């Protein structure tokens, strides 16, 4: 990854991202998780090519007309 790409990813994480400690199972230790939420799938696919991760849909019960995607790094 080039320096300008790393700076771009850092900016997107700063604006659209969340950094948390999470665990998948009760007996696991917590681990850092970076999540970027966006309605722009092209942006998330581009970030995925740079960093890896998975893209998932997010369900929102009160805003049925907005499709939000999450990139887990």
PDB file of N, CA and C in Angstrom:
ATOM      1  N   UNK A   1       0.850  -1.165   0.000  1.00  0.00           N
ATOM      2  CA  UNK A   1       0.000   0.000   0.000  1.00  0.00           C
ATOM      3  C   UNK A   1       0.905   1.241   0.000  1.00  0.00           C
ATOM      4  N   UNK A   2       0.585   2.166  -0.867  1.00  0.00           N
ATOM      5  CA  UNK A   2       1.330   3.423  -0.950  1.00  0.00           C
ATOM      6  C   UNK A   2       0.982   4.322   0.244  1.00  0.00           C
ATOM      7  N   UNK A   3       1.831   5.305   0.508  1.00  0.00           N
ATOM      8  CA  UNK A   3       1.582   6.225   1.623  1.00  0.00           C
ATOM      9  C   UNK A   3       0.277   6.994   1.461  1.00  0.00           C
ATOM     10  N   UNK A   4      -0.028   7.434   0.224  1.00  0.00           N
ATOM     11  CA  UNK A   4      -1.249   8.198   0.018  1.00  0.00           C
ATOM     12  C   UNK A   4      -2.480   7.321   0.213  1.00  0.00           C
ATOM     13  N   UNK A   5      -2.376   6.025  -0.123  1.00  0.00           N
ATOM     14  CA  UNK A   5      -3.498   5.112   0.091  1.00  0.00           C
ATOM     15  C   UNK A   5      -3.723   4.871   1.582  1.00  0.00           C
ATOM     16  N   UNK A   6      -2.631   4.729   2.336  1.00  0.00           N
ATOM     17  CA  UNK A   6      -2.743   4.563   3.789  1.00  0.00           C
ATOM     18  C   UNK A   6      -3.373   5.798   4.423  1.00  0.00           C
ATOM     19  N   UNK A   7      -2.999   6.979   3.947  1.00  0.00           N
ATOM     20  CA  UNK A   7      -3.586   8.219   4.458  1.00  0.00           C
ATOM     21  C   UNK A   7      -5.073   8.297   4.114  1.00  0.00           C
ATOM     22  N   UNK A   8      -5.444   7.852   2.922  1.00  0.00           N
ATOM     23  CA  UNK A   8      -6.851   7.842   2.511  1.00  0.00           C
ATOM     24  C   UNK A   8      -7.669   6.898   3.395  1.00  0.00           C
ATOM     25  N   UNK A   9      -7.149   5.693   3.632  1.00  0.00           N
ATOM     26  CA  UNK A   9      -7.840   4.718   4.491  1.00  0.00           C
ATOM     27  C   UNK A   9      -7.973   5.278   5.903  1.00  0.00           C
ATOM     28  N   UNK A  10      -6.922   5.905   6.416  1.00  0.00           N
ATOM     29  CA  UNK A  10      -6.978   6.493   7.754  1.00  0.00           C
ATOM     30  C   UNK A  10      -8.036   7.585   7.833  1.00  0.00           C
ATOM     31  N   UNK A  11      -8.152   8.380   6.793  1.00  0.00           N
ATOM     32  CA  UNK A  11      -9.183   9.424   6.761  1.00  0.00           C
ATOM     33  C   UNK A  11     -10.590   8.853   6.742  1.00  0.00           C
ATOM     34  N   UNK A  12     -10.802   7.799   5.960  1.00  0.00           N
ATOM     35  CA  UNK A  12     -12.119   7.152   5.912  1.00  0.00           C
ATOM     36  C   UNK A  12     -12.459   6.542   7.272  1.00  0.00           C
ATOM     37  N   UNK A  13     -11.476   5.891   7.917  1.00  0.00           N
ATOM     38  CA  UNK A  13     -11.721   5.320   9.243  1.00  0.00           C
ATOM     39  C   UNK A  13     -12.049   6.426  10.237  1.00  0.00           C
ATOM     40  N   UNK A  14     -11.363   7.558  10.135  1.00  0.00           N
ATOM     41  CA  UNK A  14     -11.611   8.679  11.040  1.00  0.00           C
ATOM     42  C   UNK A  14     -13.031   9.218  10.901  1.00  0.00           C
ATOM     43  N   UNK A  15     -13.536   9.267   9.675  1.00  0.00           N
ATOM     44  CA  UNK A  15     -14.863   9.851   9.423  1.00  0.00           C
ATOM     45  C   UNK A  15     -15.980   8.818   9.530  1.00  0.00           C
ATOM     46  N   UNK A  16     -15.814   7.666   8.909  1.00  0.00           N
ATOM     47  CA  UNK A  16     -16.885   6.681   8.796  1.00  0.00           C
ATOM     48  C   UNK A  16     -16.667   5.431   9.645  1.00  0.00           C
ATOM     49  N   UNK A  17     -15.531   5.349  10.322  1.00  0.00           N
ATOM     50  CA  UNK A  17     -15.168   4.105  10.987  1.00  0.00           C
ATOM     51  C   UNK A  17     -15.449   4.067  12.473  1.00  0.00           C
ATOM     52  N   UNK A  18     -15.369   2.860  13.003  1.00  0.00           N
ATOM     53  CA  UNK A  18     -15.492   2.592  14.427  1.00  0.00           C
ATOM     54  C   UNK A  18     -14.410   1.592  14.802  1.00  0.00           C
ATOM     55  N   UNK A  19     -13.725   1.857  15.904  1.00  0.00           N
ATOM     56  CA  UNK A  19     -12.719   0.937  16.416  1.00  0.00           C
ATOM     57  C   UNK A  19     -13.201   0.454  17.776  1.00  0.00           C
ATOM     58  N   UNK A  20     -13.400  -0.853  17.914  1.00  0.00           N
ATOM     59  CA  UNK A  20     -13.924  -1.416  19.154  1.00  0.00           C
ATOM     60  C   UNK A  20     -13.122  -2.646  19.557  1.00  0.00           C
ATOM     61  N   UNK A  21     -13.331  -3.073  20.778  1.00  0.00           N
ATOM     62  CA  UNK A  21     -12.835  -4.368  21.238  1.00  0.00           C
ATOM     63  C   UNK A  21     -14.028  -5.308  21.273  1.00  0.00           C
ATOM     64  N   UNK A  22     -13.924  -6.418  20.612  1.00  0.00           N
ATOM     65  CA  UNK A  22     -15.057  -7.327  20.508  1.00  0.00           C
ATOM     66  C   UNK A  22     -14.598  -8.765  20.685  1.00  0.00           C
ATOM     67  N   UNK A  23     -15.550  -9.633  20.956  1.00  0.00           N
ATOM     68  CA  UNK A  23     -15.280 -11.071  20.987  1.00  0.00           C
ATOM     69  C   UNK A  23     -16.478 -11.788  20.392  1.00  0.00           C
ATOM     70  N   UNK A  24     -16.180 -12.871  19.701  1.00  0.00           N
ATOM     71  CA  UNK A  24     -17.227 -13.629  19.023  1.00  0.00           C
ATOM     72  C   UNK A  24     -17.899 -14.625  19.971  1.00  0.00           C
ATOM     73  N   UNK A  25     -17.149 -15.152  20.933  1.00  0.00           N
ATOM     74  CA  UNK A  25     -17.670 -16.138  21.867  1.00  0.00           C
ATOM     75  C   UNK A  25     -17.358 -15.702  23.292  1.00  0.00           C
ATOM     76  N   UNK A  26     -18.130 -16.148  24.233  1.00  0.00           N
ATOM     77  CA  UNK A  26     -17.980 -15.728  25.620  1.00  0.00           C
ATOM     78  C   UNK A  26     -16.616 -16.040  26.213  1.00  0.00           C
ATOM     79  N   UNK A  27     -16.022 -17.158  25.832  1.00  0.00           N
ATOM     80  CA  UNK A  27     -14.754 -17.561  26.443  1.00  0.00           C
ATOM     81  C   UNK A  27     -13.521 -17.023  25.710  1.00  0.00           C
ATOM     82  N   UNK A  28     -13.698 -16.189  24.700  1.00  0.00           N
ATOM     83  CA  UNK A  28     -12.580 -15.610  23.966  1.00  0.00           C
ATOM     84  C   UNK A  28     -12.102 -14.316  24.629  1.00  0.00           C
ATOM     85  N   UNK A  29     -10.849 -13.991  24.391  1.00  0.00           N
ATOM     86  CA  UNK A  29     -10.341 -12.680  24.780  1.00  0.00           C
ATOM     87  C   UNK A  29     -10.845 -11.648  23.775  1.00  0.00           C
ATOM     88  N   UNK A  30     -10.984 -10.427  24.224  1.00  0.00           N
ATOM     89  CA  UNK A  30     -11.404  -9.365  23.310  1.00  0.00           C
ATOM     90  C   UNK A  30     -10.279  -9.051  22.326  1.00  0.00           C
ATOM     91  N   UNK A  31     -10.680  -8.645  21.108  1.00  0.00           N
ATOM     92  CA  UNK A  31      -9.706  -8.288  20.083  1.00  0.00           C
ATOM     93  C   UNK A  31     -10.166  -7.018  19.379  1.00  0.00           C
ATOM     94  N   UNK A  32      -9.247  -6.247  18.838  1.00  0.00           N
ATOM     95  CA  UNK A  32      -9.652  -5.007  18.161  1.00  0.00           C
ATOM     96  C   UNK A  32     -10.378  -5.314  16.858  1.00  0.00           C
ATOM     97  N   UNK A  33     -11.375  -4.495  16.566  1.00  0.00           N
ATOM     98  CA  UNK A  33     -12.157  -4.633  15.334  1.00  0.00           C
ATOM     99  C   UNK A  33     -12.384  -3.245  14.754  1.00  0.00           C
ATOM    100  N   UNK A  34     -12.050  -3.065  13.490  1.00  0.00           N
ATOM    101  CA  UNK A  34     -12.291  -1.806  12.784  1.00  0.00           C
ATOM    102  C   UNK A  34     -13.442  -2.038  11.820  1.00  0.00           C
ATOM    103  N   UNK A  35     -14.464  -1.197  11.913  1.00  0.00           N
ATOM    104  CA  UNK A  35     -15.642  -1.300  11.052  1.00  0.00           C
ATOM    105  C   UNK A  35     -15.853   0.026  10.335  1.00  0.00           C
ATOM    106  N   UNK A  36     -16.112  -0.036   9.042  1.00  0.00           N
ATOM    107  CA  UNK A  36     -16.431   1.158   8.259  1.00  0.00           C
ATOM    108  C   UNK A  36     -17.825   0.970   7.689  1.00  0.00           C
ATOM    109  N   UNK A  37     -18.730   1.900   7.978  1.00  0.00           N
ATOM    110  CA  UNK A  37     -20.095   1.804   7.451  1.00  0.00           C
ATOM    111  C   UNK A  37     -20.285   2.848   6.362  1.00  0.00           C
ATOM    112  N   UNK A  38     -20.968   2.448   5.305  1.00  0.00           N
ATOM    113  CA  UNK A  38     -21.195   3.338   4.173  1.00  0.00           C
ATOM    114  C   UNK A  38     -22.339   2.812   3.325  1.00  0.00           C
ATOM    115  N   UNK A  39     -22.957   3.705   2.576  1.00  0.00           N
ATOM    116  CA  UNK A  39     -23.954   3.293   1.587  1.00  0.00           C
ATOM    117  C   UNK A  39     -23.314   3.151   0.208  1.00  0.00           C
ATOM    118  N   UNK A  40     -22.063   3.519   0.085  1.00  0.00           N
ATOM    119  CA  UNK A  40     -21.325   3.465  -1.176  1.00  0.00           C
ATOM    120  C   UNK A  40     -20.546   2.154  -1.269  1.00  0.00           C
ATOM    121  N   UNK A  41     -21.103   1.194  -1.990  1.00  0.00           N
ATOM    122  CA  UNK A  41     -20.474  -0.121  -2.092  1.00  0.00           C
ATOM    123  C   UNK A  41     -19.129  -0.048  -2.814  1.00  0.00           C
ATOM    124  N   UNK A  42     -19.013   0.806  -3.830  1.00  0.00           N
ATOM    125  CA  UNK A  42     -17.754   0.927  -4.571  1.00  0.00           C
ATOM    126  C   UNK A  42     -16.611   1.345  -3.650  1.00  0.00           C
ATOM    127  N   UNK A  43     -16.890   2.258  -2.722  1.00  0.00           N
ATOM    128  CA  UNK A  43     -15.864   2.692  -1.769  1.00  0.00           C
ATOM    129  C   UNK A  43     -15.408   1.527  -0.905  1.00  0.00           C
ATOM    130  N   UNK A  44     -16.357   0.756  -0.387  1.00  0.00           N
ATOM    131  CA  UNK A  44     -16.000  -0.364   0.479  1.00  0.00           C
ATOM    132  C   UNK A  44     -15.254  -1.458  -0.278  1.00  0.00           C
ATOM    133  N   UNK A  45     -15.626  -1.696  -1.513  1.00  0.00           N
ATOM    134  CA  UNK A  45     -14.915  -2.692  -2.327  1.00  0.00           C
ATOM    135  C   UNK A  45     -13.482  -2.225  -2.574  1.00  0.00           C
ATOM    136  N   UNK A  46     -13.288  -0.936  -2.850  1.00  0.00           N
ATOM    137  CA  UNK A  46     -11.946  -0.397  -3.037  1.00  0.00           C
ATOM    138  C   UNK A  46     -11.119  -0.552  -1.758  1.00  0.00           C
ATOM    139  N   UNK A  47     -11.708  -0.190  -0.614  1.00  0.00           N
ATOM    140  CA  UNK A  47     -11.001  -0.332   0.660  1.00  0.00           C
ATOM    141  C   UNK A  47     -10.694  -1.797   0.957  1.00  0.00           C
ATOM    142  N   UNK A  48     -11.598  -2.681   0.564  1.00  0.00           N
ATOM    143  CA  UNK A  48     -11.382  -4.110   0.770  1.00  0.00           C
ATOM    144  C   UNK A  48     -10.198  -4.608  -0.055  1.00  0.00           C
ATOM    145  N   UNK A  49     -10.032  -4.103  -1.264  1.00  0.00           N
ATOM    146  CA  UNK A  49      -8.884  -4.513  -2.075  1.00  0.00           C
ATOM    147  C   UNK A  49      -7.568  -4.038  -1.455  1.00  0.00           C
ATOM    148  N   UNK A  50      -7.603  -2.914  -0.753  1.00  0.00           N
ATOM    149  CA  UNK A  50      -6.397  -2.398  -0.106  1.00  0.00           C
ATOM    150  C   UNK A  50      -6.078  -3.118   1.197  1.00  0.00           C
ATOM    151  N   UNK A  51      -7.111  -3.447   1.974  1.00  0.00           N
ATOM    152  CA  UNK A  51      -6.888  -3.892   3.346  1.00  0.00           C
ATOM    153  C   UNK A  51      -7.351  -5.314   3.635  1.00  0.00           C
ATOM    154  N   UNK A  52      -8.168  -5.896   2.784  1.00  0.00           N
ATOM    155  CA  UNK A  52      -8.779  -7.192   3.093  1.00  0.00           C
ATOM    156  C   UNK A  52     -10.077  -6.960   3.850  1.00  0.00           C
ATOM    157  N   UNK A  53     -10.510  -7.954   4.588  1.00  0.00           N
ATOM    158  CA  UNK A  53     -11.744  -7.813   5.362  1.00  0.00           C
ATOM    159  C   UNK A  53     -12.944  -8.374   4.628  1.00  0.00           C
ATOM    160  N   UNK A  54     -14.109  -8.219   5.244  1.00  0.00           N
ATOM    161  CA  UNK A  54     -15.355  -8.722   4.665  1.00  0.00           C
ATOM    162  C   UNK A  54     -16.404  -7.614   4.660  1.00  0.00           C
ATOM    163  N   UNK A  55     -17.276  -7.656   3.674  1.00  0.00           N
ATOM    164  CA  UNK A  55     -18.369  -6.691   3.554  1.00  0.00           C
ATOM    165  C   UNK A  55     -19.671  -7.410   3.876  1.00  0.00           C
ATOM    166  N   UNK A  56     -20.459  -6.832   4.780  1.00  0.00           N
ATOM    167  CA  UNK A  56     -21.747  -7.390   5.171  1.00  0.00           C
ATOM    168  C   UNK A  56     -22.818  -6.319   5.117  1.00  0.00           C
ATOM    169  N   UNK A  57     -24.077  -6.744   4.967  1.00  0.00           N
ATOM    170  CA  UNK A  57     -25.202  -5.831   5.045  1.00  0.00           C
ATOM    171  C   UNK A  57     -25.540  -5.565   6.504  1.00  0.00           C
ATOM    172  N   UNK A  58     -26.038  -4.369   6.781  1.00  0.00           N
ATOM    173  CA  UNK A  58     -26.469  -4.016   8.123  1.00  0.00           C
ATOM    174  C   UNK A  58     -27.973  -3.790   8.085  1.00  0.00           C
ATOM    175  N   UNK A  59     -28.683  -4.424   9.002  1.00  0.00           N
ATOM    176  CA  UNK A  59     -30.132  -4.257   9.072  1.00  0.00           C
ATOM    177  C   UNK A  59     -30.468  -3.052   9.946  1.00  0.00           C
ATOM    178  N   UNK A  60     -31.314  -2.192   9.418  1.00  0.00           N
ATOM    179  CA  UNK A  60     -31.824  -1.057  10.180  1.00  0.00           C
ATOM    180  C   UNK A  60     -33.339  -1.155  10.137  1.00  0.00           C
ATOM    181  N   UNK A  61     -33.953  -1.272  11.283  1.00  0.00           N
ATOM    182  CA  UNK A  61     -35.390  -1.519  11.312  1.00  0.00           C
ATOM    183  C   UNK A  61     -36.210  -0.275  11.013  1.00  0.00           C
ATOM    184  N   UNK A  62     -35.753   0.903  11.433  1.00  0.00           N
ATOM    185  CA  UNK A  62     -36.590   2.086  11.233  1.00  0.00           C
ATOM    186  C   UNK A  62     -36.279   2.839   9.935  1.00  0.00           C
ATOM    187  N   UNK A  63     -35.224   2.486   9.223  1.00  0.00           N
ATOM    188  CA  UNK A  63     -34.887   3.124   7.947  1.00  0.00           C
ATOM    189  C   UNK A  63     -34.811   2.060   6.863  1.00  0.00           C
ATOM    190  N   UNK A  64     -35.952   1.592   6.418  1.00  0.00           N
ATOM    191  CA  UNK A  64     -35.996   0.457   5.494  1.00  0.00           C
ATOM    192  C   UNK A  64     -35.507   0.806   4.093  1.00  0.00           C
ATOM    193  N   UNK A  65     -35.471   2.088   3.739  1.00  0.00           N
ATOM    194  CA  UNK A  65     -35.110   2.464   2.383  1.00  0.00           C
ATOM    195  C   UNK A  65     -33.620   2.720   2.207  1.00  0.00           C
ATOM    196  N   UNK A  66     -32.826   2.668   3.253  1.00  0.00           N
ATOM    197  CA  UNK A  66     -31.393   2.898   3.162  1.00  0.00           C
ATOM    198  C   UNK A  66     -30.653   1.576   3.334  1.00  0.00           C
ATOM    199  N   UNK A  67     -29.801   1.252   2.393  1.00  0.00           N
ATOM    200  CA  UNK A  67     -28.990   0.042   2.484  1.00  0.00           C
ATOM    201  C   UNK A  67     -27.603   0.447   2.969  1.00  0.00           C
ATOM    202  N   UNK A  68     -27.226  -0.009   4.138  1.00  0.00           N
ATOM    203  CA  UNK A  68     -25.928   0.283   4.711  1.00  0.00           C
ATOM    204  C   UNK A  68     -25.081  -0.969   4.693  1.00  0.00           C
ATOM    205  N   UNK A  69     -23.846  -0.819   4.262  1.00  0.00           N
ATOM    206  CA  UNK A  69     -22.902  -1.918   4.198  1.00  0.00           C
ATOM    207  C   UNK A  69     -21.797  -1.682   5.213  1.00  0.00           C
ATOM    208  N   UNK A  70     -21.260  -2.756   5.748  1.00  0.00           N
ATOM    209  CA  UNK A  70     -20.179  -2.677   6.723  1.00  0.00           C
ATOM    210  C   UNK A  70     -18.962  -3.414   6.189  1.00  0.00           C
ATOM    211  N   UNK A  71     -17.799  -2.826   6.339  1.00  0.00           N
ATOM    212  CA  UNK A  71     -16.535  -3.487   6.020  1.00  0.00           C
ATOM    213  C   UNK A  71     -15.837  -3.766   7.327  1.00  0.00           C
ATOM    214  N   UNK A  72     -15.624  -5.052   7.625  1.00  0.00           N
ATOM    215  CA  UNK A  72     -14.912  -5.468   8.831  1.00  0.00           C
ATOM    216  C   UNK A  72     -13.471  -5.746   8.463  1.00  0.00           C
ATOM    217  N   UNK A  73     -12.553  -5.052   9.115  1.00  0.00           N
ATOM    218  CA  UNK A  73     -11.133  -5.251   8.849  1.00  0.00           C
ATOM    219  C   UNK A  73     -10.519  -6.092   9.925  1.00  0.00           C
TER     220      UNK A  73
END
